[in-house]
Amino acid sequence: MGFKDESEIQIVNLKTDPSQMMDNIDHIHFFPAFHMNKKLWITIILDEITPWEKSAQLLDESYSLVNEKE
């Protein structure tokens, strides 16, 4: 993911609305998905400085997107 520090980090990939993708990416805590379709998925760094409220919102949105009824 381009970090200079090679220590192990915890991440989660979440599905996102493509129209909101760029609003969610900050390249600090939220990135285009690592090893996923970068148009539909984002990667969140799970650490103590990542904003919990935004992470929880994105988790809820991801759950809704992957469970949509056709």
Protein backbone atom coordinates (compact mmCIF):
# COMPACT_ATOMS: atom_id res chain seq x y z
CA MET A 1 0.00 0.00 0.00
CA GLY A 2 3.04 2.22 -0.15
CA PHE A 3 3.89 2.67 3.53
CA LYS A 4 7.53 3.31 4.41
CA ASP A 5 7.16 1.41 7.69
CA GLU A 6 6.96 -2.32 7.06
CA SER A 7 5.29 -3.22 10.34
CA GLU A 8 2.15 -5.35 10.25
CA ILE A 9 -1.16 -3.51 10.13
CA GLN A 10 -4.77 -4.64 10.33
CA ILE A 11 -7.12 -3.70 7.50
CA VAL A 12 -10.66 -4.37 6.34
CA ASN A 13 -12.04 -4.15 2.80
CA LEU A 14 -15.56 -2.79 2.47
CA LYS A 15 -17.85 -2.36 -0.51
CA THR A 16 -18.77 1.24 -1.24
CA ASP A 17 -21.05 3.19 -3.53
CA PRO A 18 -18.92 4.11 -6.58
CA SER A 19 -20.43 7.61 -6.62
CA GLN A 20 -19.02 8.21 -3.11
CA MET A 21 -15.65 6.51 -3.61
CA MET A 22 -13.54 9.65 -3.94
CA ASP A 23 -15.27 11.29 -0.96
CA ASN A 24 -14.26 8.32 1.21
CA ILE A 25 -10.59 8.08 0.18
CA ASP A 26 -8.05 10.14 2.14
CA HIS A 27 -4.88 8.01 1.62
CA ILE A 28 -4.26 8.17 5.39
CA HIS A 29 -6.94 5.93 6.86
CA PHE A 30 -9.08 5.09 3.83
CA PHE A 31 -7.61 3.80 0.55
CA PRO A 32 -8.69 2.31 -2.76
CA ALA A 33 -9.14 -1.38 -2.01
CA PHE A 34 -6.06 -3.52 -1.58
CA HIS A 35 -6.34 -6.61 -3.85
CA MET A 36 -9.97 -5.80 -4.77
CA ASN A 37 -11.90 -3.94 -7.46
CA LYS A 38 -10.86 -0.36 -6.73
CA LYS A 39 -14.10 1.03 -8.20
CA LEU A 40 -16.35 -0.78 -5.71
CA TRP A 41 -14.21 -1.49 -2.63
CA ILE A 42 -12.16 0.51 -0.13
CA THR A 43 -9.56 -0.52 2.43
CA ILE A 44 -9.69 0.89 5.95
CA ILE A 45 -6.67 0.84 8.26
CA LEU A 46 -7.78 -0.53 11.63
CA ASP A 47 -5.86 1.38 14.26
CA GLU A 48 -6.52 3.73 17.14
CA ILE A 49 -6.34 6.91 15.02
CA THR A 50 -8.75 5.92 12.24
CA PRO A 51 -12.04 7.80 12.77
CA TRP A 52 -14.44 5.27 14.31
CA GLU A 53 -17.63 7.10 13.30
CA LYS A 54 -16.70 7.13 9.61
CA SER A 55 -15.53 3.50 9.75
CA ALA A 56 -18.82 2.42 11.33
CA GLN A 57 -20.81 4.35 8.72
CA LEU A 58 -18.84 2.70 5.90
CA LEU A 59 -19.32 -0.71 7.50
CA ASP A 60 -23.10 -0.19 7.64
CA GLU A 61 -23.16 0.99 4.01
CA SER A 62 -21.07 -1.98 2.91
CA TYR A 63 -23.39 -4.41 4.67
CA SER A 64 -26.39 -2.85 2.92
CA LEU A 65 -24.70 -2.96 -0.49
CA VAL A 66 -23.70 -6.62 -0.31
CA ASN A 67 -27.14 -7.64 0.99
CA GLU A 68 -29.27 -5.74 -1.53
CA LYS A 69 -32.24 -7.69 -2.82
CA GLU A 70 -32.62 -7.72 -6.59
